[in-house]
Amino acid sequence: MHFGLSEEQEMIVSTVRSFVEKEIYPHETEVERTGEVPKEIADEIKRKTIELGFYACNFPEEVGGAGLSHLEFALVERELGRGSMALNHFFGRPQNILMACEGEQKERYLLPAVRGERMDALAMTEPGAGSDVRGMKCSAVRDGGDWVVNGTKHFISGADHADFIIVFIATGEDMTPKGPKKRITAFLVDRGTPGFTIRDGYRSVSHRGYKNMVLEFDDCRLPDAQVLGEVDGGFAVMNEWLYATRITVATMSVGRARRVFDYALNYAAEREQFGQAIGKFQGVSFQIADMITEIDAADWLTLAAAWRLDQGLPANREIASAKVYASEMLARVTDTTLQIFGGMGLMDDFPIERFWRDARVERIWDGTSEIQRHIISRDLLRPLGA
């Protein structure tokens, strides 16, 4: 069994890490202070990513992407996790779900997104329906040859920069022995469509500058040409393409944890108390040992899940395990690092308090820790009839 990376994979890691250190790190303090990414900086990051050949690297070569494997893309995301979410957003990774585009949709949405000419965002969550996707109230009804959409989505990341949004909307309801069950359809909705509004969302303590937006539909008319996949086939599209979002959270949590750990390790070696480096005290040195052990475990768990996808093996449980473990590991690592720094960890002289705040959301978005545990336990118990 071989656990090492190939020469090409090592090159991917070093290239992306160098990019993050040179192009992302220098702007983080200003983005954290203002909560904004200046357009010229966003455009520059995008331009340099395209020149590097990494824009839309999660897409196959036949549509213009770099054609990276799931494992290789996980390595990219892991290194991007070291940097600000608001800034590395422009190291473009369009939603894989765009591979479901058919016919003219490819020319209008898929190919421009891969080339970096148009940016996308994904919208499922609503004020009353987060993890409960079938509880969504945003609905579309037939009217002539169009769909008329009404409702609201919130917590939509990236919508402030998006040229179009991939929106999941209820398009009907079936009665089942367990009660009514929503039918869901995915739509491609262009910014500026009449009846469709994108507005600022909530101020979050996590990932400042990486904004969440509110989408409002008021008798918004969409033709059938805007349906992504099949009508009422939203869950089929989700199940085929959206597993990647959970791996992204896991990999980026690992990358961020490694950056935080470097701060803890260096501080433990340099900071002196009672005449010696604090790392010589067992209370600190054991914390250092525990952190690196957990980070390594999360790293391998995540890469193993990505590897399974490349082998065509079932990976739903493994992806859920990676997401829940890596996101909770990040919380422990950031909290422990702050403790090692003591009072200075809470001051904005160091980025530790930012890492600590940013870590909190990872256990919530793209499926809460509770949802991941449900996926894991269901996968294990169902074959036994439980």
Protein backbone atom coordinates (compact mmCIF):
# COMPACT_ATOMS: atom_id res chain seq x y z
CA MET A 1 0.00 0.00 0.00
CA HIS A 2 1.52 3.30 -1.13
CA PHE A 3 0.65 6.49 0.76
CA GLY A 4 3.00 8.95 -0.93
CA LEU A 5 2.14 11.57 -3.55
CA SER A 6 3.44 11.35 -7.08
CA GLU A 7 5.90 13.92 -8.40
CA GLU A 8 3.07 15.64 -10.28
CA GLN A 9 0.88 15.75 -7.16
CA GLU A 10 3.75 17.18 -5.11
CA MET A 11 4.11 19.88 -7.78
CA ILE A 12 0.40 20.70 -7.52
CA VAL A 13 0.75 21.12 -3.74
CA SER A 14 3.83 23.34 -3.94
CA THR A 15 2.41 25.47 -6.78
CA VAL A 16 -0.89 26.19 -5.05
CA ARG A 17 0.73 26.74 -1.66
CA SER A 18 3.16 29.24 -3.18
CA PHE A 19 0.27 31.02 -4.91
CA VAL A 20 -1.67 31.31 -1.65
CA GLU A 21 1.36 32.65 0.23
CA LYS A 22 2.21 35.22 -2.44
CA GLU A 23 -1.21 36.26 -3.77
CA ILE A 24 -3.63 35.66 -0.86
CA TYR A 25 -1.77 36.21 2.43
CA PRO A 26 -0.71 39.84 1.69
CA HIS A 27 -4.35 40.98 1.31
CA GLU A 28 -5.91 39.12 4.24
CA THR A 29 -5.54 41.83 6.88
CA GLU A 30 -7.21 44.46 4.72
CA VAL A 31 -10.09 42.16 3.78
CA GLU A 32 -10.56 41.26 7.43
CA ARG A 33 -10.60 44.96 8.38
CA THR A 34 -13.00 46.15 5.66
CA GLY A 35 -15.06 43.05 4.97
CA GLU A 36 -14.58 43.66 1.25
CA VAL A 37 -12.41 42.31 -1.54
CA PRO A 38 -11.43 45.20 -3.86
CA LYS A 39 -12.38 44.42 -7.45
CA GLU A 40 -8.88 45.00 -8.75
CA ILE A 41 -7.50 42.40 -6.33
CA ALA A 42 -10.24 39.89 -7.21
CA ASP A 43 -9.58 40.37 -10.93
CA GLU A 44 -5.83 40.00 -10.42
CA ILE A 45 -6.22 36.73 -8.50
CA LYS A 46 -8.52 35.37 -11.20
CA ARG A 47 -6.17 36.45 -13.99
CA LYS A 48 -3.14 34.85 -12.36
CA THR A 49 -5.07 31.65 -11.64
CA ILE A 50 -6.05 31.38 -15.30
CA GLU A 51 -2.43 32.01 -16.36
CA LEU A 52 -1.31 29.31 -13.94
CA GLY A 53 -3.69 26.86 -15.58
CA PHE A 54 -5.63 26.13 -12.38
CA TYR A 55 -8.89 27.96 -13.03
CA ALA A 56 -11.75 25.40 -13.08
CA CYS A 57 -9.19 22.67 -12.44
CA ASN A 58 -12.03 20.54 -11.05
CA PHE A 59 -13.50 20.19 -14.58
CA PRO A 60 -12.50 17.62 -17.23
CA GLU A 61 -10.22 18.55 -20.11
CA GLU A 62 -12.95 18.06 -22.71
CA VAL A 63 -14.73 21.18 -21.45
CA GLY A 64 -11.54 23.20 -20.91
CA GLY A 65 -10.66 22.29 -17.33
CA ALA A 66 -7.39 20.88 -16.06
CA GLY A 67 -8.89 17.43 -15.63
CA LEU A 68 -7.56 16.82 -12.12
CA SER A 69 -8.63 13.68 -10.32
CA HIS A 70 -10.70 13.91 -7.15
CA LEU A 71 -7.55 13.29 -5.11
CA GLU A 72 -5.57 15.95 -6.94
CA PHE A 73 -8.37 18.48 -6.59
CA ALA A 74 -8.56 17.68 -2.87
CA LEU A 75 -4.88 18.63 -2.66
CA VAL A 76 -5.63 21.96 -4.38
CA GLU A 77 -8.48 22.69 -1.98
CA ARG A 78 -6.35 21.71 1.01
CA GLU A 79 -3.71 24.30 0.10
CA LEU A 80 -6.36 26.95 -0.64
CA GLY A 81 -7.75 26.31 2.83
CA ARG A 82 -4.66 28.02 4.24
CA GLY A 83 -5.85 31.36 2.87
CA SER A 84 -8.80 33.71 3.21
CA MET A 85 -12.07 32.28 1.84
CA ALA A 86 -13.01 35.72 0.53
CA LEU A 87 -9.85 35.89 -1.57
CA ASN A 88 -9.40 32.30 -2.67
CA HIS A 89 -12.97 32.40 -4.02
CA PHE A 90 -11.40 33.97 -7.13
CA PHE A 91 -9.08 30.99 -7.57
CA GLY A 92 -12.12 29.83 -9.52
CA ARG A 93 -13.74 26.46 -8.90
CA PRO A 94 -17.17 26.53 -10.58
CA GLN A 95 -19.82 24.13 -9.29
CA ASN A 96 -19.35 20.62 -10.71
CA ILE A 97 -23.11 20.45 -11.09
CA LEU A 98 -22.71 22.51 -14.27
CA MET A 99 -21.61 19.29 -15.97
CA ALA A 100 -25.34 18.52 -16.05
CA CYS A 101 -25.80 21.30 -18.65
CA GLU A 102 -27.27 20.17 -21.96
CA GLY A 103 -27.48 21.72 -25.42
CA GLU A 104 -27.32 25.52 -25.43
CA GLN A 105 -26.79 25.56 -21.68
CA LYS A 106 -23.21 24.45 -22.29
CA GLU A 107 -22.46 27.57 -24.33
CA ARG A 108 -24.36 29.93 -22.00
CA TYR A 109 -23.24 28.58 -18.62
CA LEU A 110 -20.81 25.66 -18.51
CA LEU A 111 -18.08 26.79 -20.90
CA PRO A 112 -18.05 30.50 -19.87
CA ALA A 113 -17.82 29.39 -16.21
CA VAL A 114 -14.86 27.11 -16.98
CA ARG A 115 -13.12 29.89 -18.92
CA GLY A 116 -13.64 32.37 -16.08
CA GLU A 117 -15.93 34.61 -18.13
CA ARG A 118 -18.98 34.04 -15.89
CA MET A 119 -19.14 33.16 -12.20
CA ASP A 120 -21.75 30.94 -10.60
CA ALA A 121 -23.20 30.33 -7.14
CA LEU A 122 -25.35 27.59 -5.64
CA ALA A 123 -28.62 28.21 -3.77
CA MET A 124 -30.55 25.68 -1.69
CA THR A 125 -30.84 27.02 1.87
CA GLU A 126 -33.91 28.99 2.96
CA PRO A 127 -34.85 30.76 6.21
CA GLY A 128 -37.05 27.78 7.15
CA ALA A 129 -35.18 25.00 5.37
CA GLY A 130 -31.49 24.40 5.96
CA SER A 131 -30.56 20.74 6.36
CA ASP A 132 -34.17 19.82 5.56
CA VAL A 133 -33.95 20.40 1.80
CA ARG A 134 -37.41 18.97 1.17
CA GLY A 135 -38.82 21.55 3.54
CA MET A 136 -38.08 24.38 1.09
CA LYS A 137 -40.93 26.79 0.38
CA CYS A 138 -39.43 28.61 -2.60
CA SER A 139 -41.63 27.21 -5.37
CA ALA A 140 -42.18 27.29 -9.11
CA VAL A 141 -45.57 26.69 -10.76
CA ARG A 142 -46.43 26.26 -14.41
CA ASP A 143 -47.93 29.20 -16.24
CA GLY A 144 -48.17 28.71 -19.98
CA GLY A 145 -44.74 27.67 -21.19
CA ASP A 146 -42.91 29.19 -18.23
CA TRP A 147 -42.25 28.54 -14.58
CA VAL A 148 -43.26 31.31 -12.16
CA VAL A 149 -41.02 31.37 -9.08
CA ASN A 150 -41.77 32.89 -5.69
CA GLY A 151 -39.84 32.62 -2.46
CA THR A 152 -36.56 33.37 -0.72
CA LYS A 153 -33.14 31.77 -0.36
CA HIS A 154 -30.52 32.88 2.16
CA PHE A 155 -26.93 32.15 3.24
CA ILE A 156 -25.96 32.01 -0.44
CA SER A 157 -22.17 32.22 -0.65
CA GLY A 158 -20.61 33.84 -3.69
CA ALA A 159 -23.86 35.29 -5.00
CA ASP A 160 -22.48 38.82 -4.67
CA HIS A 161 -20.06 38.10 -7.53
CA ALA A 162 -22.16 35.59 -9.47
CA ASP A 163 -23.41 36.19 -13.00
CA PHE A 164 -25.90 33.35 -12.58
CA ILE A 165 -27.15 31.15 -9.75
CA ILE A 166 -27.96 27.43 -9.71
CA VAL A 167 -31.16 27.42 -7.64
CA PHE A 168 -33.03 24.43 -6.26
CA ILE A 169 -36.78 25.07 -6.20
CA ALA A 170 -39.87 23.04 -5.23
CA THR A 171 -41.87 22.19 -8.36
CA GLY A 172 -44.56 19.95 -6.94
CA GLU A 173 -45.55 17.65 -4.13
CA ASP A 174 -46.33 13.95 -3.82
CA MET A 175 -48.33 12.29 -1.08
CA THR A 176 -46.51 9.43 0.61
CA PRO A 177 -47.31 7.19 3.62
CA LYS A 178 -45.07 9.52 5.62
CA GLY A 179 -46.83 12.66 4.43
CA PRO A 180 -46.28 15.15 1.58
CA LYS A 181 -42.92 15.00 -0.18
CA LYS A 182 -41.61 17.92 -2.26
CA ARG A 183 -40.39 17.45 -5.79
CA ILE A 184 -37.29 19.55 -6.44
CA THR A 185 -35.92 20.99 -9.70
CA ALA A 186 -32.64 22.83 -10.36
CA PHE A 187 -32.82 26.05 -12.39
CA LEU A 188 -30.16 28.31 -13.92
CA VAL A 189 -31.10 31.89 -13.06
CA ASP A 190 -29.27 34.87 -14.57
CA ARG A 191 -28.52 37.98 -12.54
CA GLY A 192 -30.87 40.71 -13.74
CA THR A 193 -33.77 38.38 -14.57
CA PRO A 194 -37.03 40.33 -13.91
CA GLY A 195 -38.49 39.37 -10.54
CA PHE A 196 -35.14 38.12 -9.23
CA THR A 197 -33.22 40.18 -6.66
CA ILE A 198 -29.87 39.55 -4.99
CA ARG A 199 -29.30 41.56 -1.80
CA ASP A 200 -26.88 41.62 1.10
CA GLY A 201 -27.37 38.97 3.74
CA TYR A 202 -26.19 38.85 7.34
CA ARG A 203 -22.96 39.99 8.97
CA SER A 204 -21.05 36.86 9.95
CA VAL A 205 -18.18 36.55 12.42
CA SER A 206 -16.71 33.80 10.21
CA HIS A 207 -14.85 34.47 6.94
CA ARG A 208 -15.26 38.22 6.72
CA GLY A 209 -15.42 39.41 3.13
CA TYR A 210 -16.85 36.07 1.99
CA LYS A 211 -20.41 37.27 1.97
CA ASN A 212 -23.67 35.42 2.26
CA MET A 213 -26.53 36.85 0.21
CA VAL A 214 -30.32 36.72 0.15
CA LEU A 215 -32.11 35.81 -3.07
CA GLU A 216 -35.70 36.94 -3.57
CA PHE A 217 -38.11 35.73 -6.24
CA ASP A 218 -41.26 37.72 -6.93
CA ASP A 219 -43.25 36.23 -9.82
CA CYS A 220 -39.95 35.55 -11.57
CA ARG A 221 -40.61 33.81 -14.92
CA LEU A 222 -38.20 31.14 -16.10
CA PRO A 223 -38.54 29.15 -19.35
CA ASP A 224 -37.90 25.42 -19.58
CA ALA A 225 -34.51 26.22 -21.09
CA GLN A 226 -33.38 27.25 -17.60
CA VAL A 227 -34.03 23.83 -16.07
CA LEU A 228 -30.77 22.05 -15.18
CA GLY A 229 -31.25 18.33 -15.55
CA GLU A 230 -34.80 16.99 -15.54
CA VAL A 231 -37.93 18.62 -14.17
CA ASP A 232 -38.43 17.22 -10.65
CA GLY A 233 -34.96 15.69 -10.97
CA GLY A 234 -33.18 18.03 -8.57
CA PHE A 235 -32.24 15.30 -6.13
CA ALA A 236 -30.75 13.17 -8.89
CA VAL A 237 -28.57 16.12 -9.91
CA MET A 238 -27.59 16.76 -6.28
CA ASN A 239 -26.68 13.14 -5.63
CA GLU A 240 -24.52 12.94 -8.75
CA TRP A 241 -22.57 16.17 -8.36
CA LEU A 242 -22.81 17.81 -4.93
CA TYR A 243 -20.73 15.37 -2.88
CA ALA A 244 -17.73 17.59 -3.73
CA THR A 245 -18.87 20.38 -1.42
CA ARG A 246 -18.43 18.22 1.68
CA ILE A 247 -14.94 17.14 0.62
CA THR A 248 -14.11 20.81 0.06
CA VAL A 249 -15.00 21.65 3.67
CA ALA A 250 -12.89 18.74 4.91
CA THR A 251 -9.84 19.52 2.80
CA MET A 252 -9.91 23.25 3.52
CA SER A 253 -10.28 22.53 7.24
CA VAL A 254 -7.10 20.44 7.06
CA GLY A 255 -5.21 23.18 5.20
CA ARG A 256 -6.28 25.84 7.65
CA ALA A 257 -5.44 23.61 10.61
CA ARG A 258 -1.90 23.12 9.29
CA ARG A 259 -1.42 26.87 9.00
CA VAL A 260 -2.74 27.41 12.52
CA PHE A 261 -0.57 24.60 13.84
CA ASP A 262 2.55 26.28 12.43
CA TYR A 263 1.72 29.35 14.54
CA ALA A 264 1.25 27.18 17.65
CA LEU A 265 4.47 25.24 17.08
CA ASN A 266 6.63 28.31 16.49
CA TYR A 267 5.10 30.21 19.40
CA ALA A 268 5.66 27.24 21.72
CA ALA A 269 9.31 27.15 20.67
CA GLU A 270 9.90 30.93 20.97
CA ARG A 271 7.73 32.12 23.87
CA GLU A 272 9.48 31.87 27.22
CA GLN A 273 8.03 31.65 30.69
CA PHE A 274 9.86 30.75 33.92
CA GLY A 275 13.14 30.88 32.03
CA GLN A 276 12.39 28.41 29.27
CA ALA A 277 10.35 27.95 26.09
CA ILE A 278 6.74 27.08 26.91
CA GLY A 279 7.02 24.10 24.57
CA LYS A 280 9.22 22.43 27.18
CA PHE A 281 6.28 22.28 29.56
CA GLN A 282 4.39 19.03 29.21
CA GLY A 283 1.04 20.83 29.31
CA VAL A 284 1.96 22.56 26.03
CA SER A 285 4.08 19.88 24.38
CA PHE A 286 1.33 17.26 24.73
CA GLN A 287 -1.14 19.67 23.15
CA ILE A 288 1.25 20.07 20.20
CA ALA A 289 1.47 16.29 19.88
CA ASP A 290 -2.31 15.86 19.99
CA MET A 291 -2.88 18.57 17.38
CA ILE A 292 -0.53 17.16 14.75
CA THR A 293 -1.93 13.67 15.30
CA GLU A 294 -5.47 14.88 14.69
CA ILE A 295 -4.46 16.95 11.67
CA ASP A 296 -2.69 14.00 10.06
CA ALA A 297 -5.66 11.73 10.77
CA ALA A 298 -8.09 14.21 9.18
CA ASP A 299 -5.78 14.64 6.20
CA TRP A 300 -5.61 10.94 5.42
CA LEU A 301 -9.31 10.43 6.07
CA THR A 302 -10.09 13.16 3.55
CA LEU A 303 -7.63 12.02 0.89
CA ALA A 304 -8.87 8.44 1.27
CA ALA A 305 -12.45 9.58 0.57
CA ALA A 306 -11.31 11.43 -2.56
CA TRP A 307 -9.31 8.35 -3.63
CA ARG A 308 -12.43 6.19 -3.35
CA LEU A 309 -14.24 8.51 -5.77
CA ASP A 310 -11.38 8.12 -8.24
CA GLN A 311 -11.70 4.33 -7.95
CA GLY A 312 -15.43 4.44 -8.58
CA LEU A 313 -16.11 3.08 -5.09
CA PRO A 314 -19.01 4.12 -2.81
CA ALA A 315 -17.80 7.07 -0.75
CA ASN A 316 -20.83 8.75 0.81
CA ARG A 317 -20.06 7.54 4.32
CA GLU A 318 -16.34 8.21 3.96
CA ILE A 319 -16.98 11.76 2.74
CA ALA A 320 -19.33 12.40 5.67
CA SER A 321 -16.73 11.02 8.09
CA ALA A 322 -14.06 13.29 6.61
CA LYS A 323 -16.30 16.35 6.77
CA VAL A 324 -17.40 15.89 10.39
CA TYR A 325 -13.98 14.87 11.69
CA ALA A 326 -11.94 17.51 9.84
CA SER A 327 -14.28 20.38 10.71
CA GLU A 328 -14.39 19.41 14.39
CA MET A 329 -10.63 18.86 14.40
CA LEU A 330 -10.17 22.41 13.11
CA ALA A 331 -12.25 23.73 15.98
CA ARG A 332 -10.06 21.92 18.50
CA VAL A 333 -6.81 23.01 16.85
CA THR A 334 -7.77 26.68 16.63
CA ASP A 335 -9.02 26.70 20.22
CA THR A 336 -5.87 24.98 21.51
CA THR A 337 -3.64 27.35 19.54
CA LEU A 338 -5.45 30.31 21.04
CA GLN A 339 -4.92 28.81 24.49
CA ILE A 340 -1.19 28.42 23.81
CA PHE A 341 -0.99 32.07 22.77
CA GLY A 342 -2.86 33.08 25.90
CA GLY A 343 -4.31 36.58 25.99
CA MET A 344 -2.45 37.59 22.82
CA GLY A 345 -4.40 34.97 20.92
CA LEU A 346 -7.52 37.09 21.28
CA MET A 347 -5.84 40.23 19.99
CA ASP A 348 -5.85 41.13 16.31
CA ASP A 349 -2.06 41.54 16.37
CA PHE A 350 -2.12 37.84 15.41
CA PRO A 351 -4.56 36.07 13.05
CA ILE A 352 -5.33 33.42 15.69
CA GLU A 353 -8.64 34.96 16.78
CA ARG A 354 -9.65 35.12 13.10
CA PHE A 355 -8.87 31.45 12.56
CA TRP A 356 -10.82 30.66 15.72
CA ARG A 357 -13.89 32.57 14.51
CA ASP A 358 -13.64 31.24 10.98
CA ALA A 359 -13.51 27.64 12.19
CA ARG A 360 -16.96 27.77 13.75
CA VAL A 361 -18.96 27.78 10.52
CA GLU A 362 -17.30 24.65 9.13
CA ARG A 363 -19.42 22.45 11.41
CA ILE A 364 -22.59 24.05 10.04
CA TRP A 365 -22.47 24.72 6.31
CA ASP A 366 -22.60 22.05 3.61
CA GLY A 367 -24.33 19.74 6.07
CA THR A 368 -24.10 20.12 9.84
CA SER A 369 -22.10 17.71 11.97
CA GLU A 370 -25.41 16.15 13.03
CA ILE A 371 -26.39 15.53 9.40
CA GLN A 372 -22.99 13.93 8.69
CA ARG A 373 -23.41 11.60 11.66
CA HIS A 374 -26.87 10.70 10.39
CA ILE A 375 -25.40 9.81 6.98
CA ILE A 376 -22.67 7.70 8.58
CA SER A 377 -24.94 5.80 10.96
CA ARG A 378 -27.60 5.24 8.28
CA ASP A 379 -24.99 3.78 5.93
CA LEU A 380 -23.87 1.35 8.62
CA LEU A 381 -27.29 0.37 10.02
CA ARG A 382 -29.46 0.07 6.91
CA PRO A 383 -27.78 -3.08 5.59
CA LEU A 384 -28.63 -4.69 8.94
CA GLY A 385 -32.29 -3.72 8.65
CA ALA A 386 -32.09 -1.12 11.41
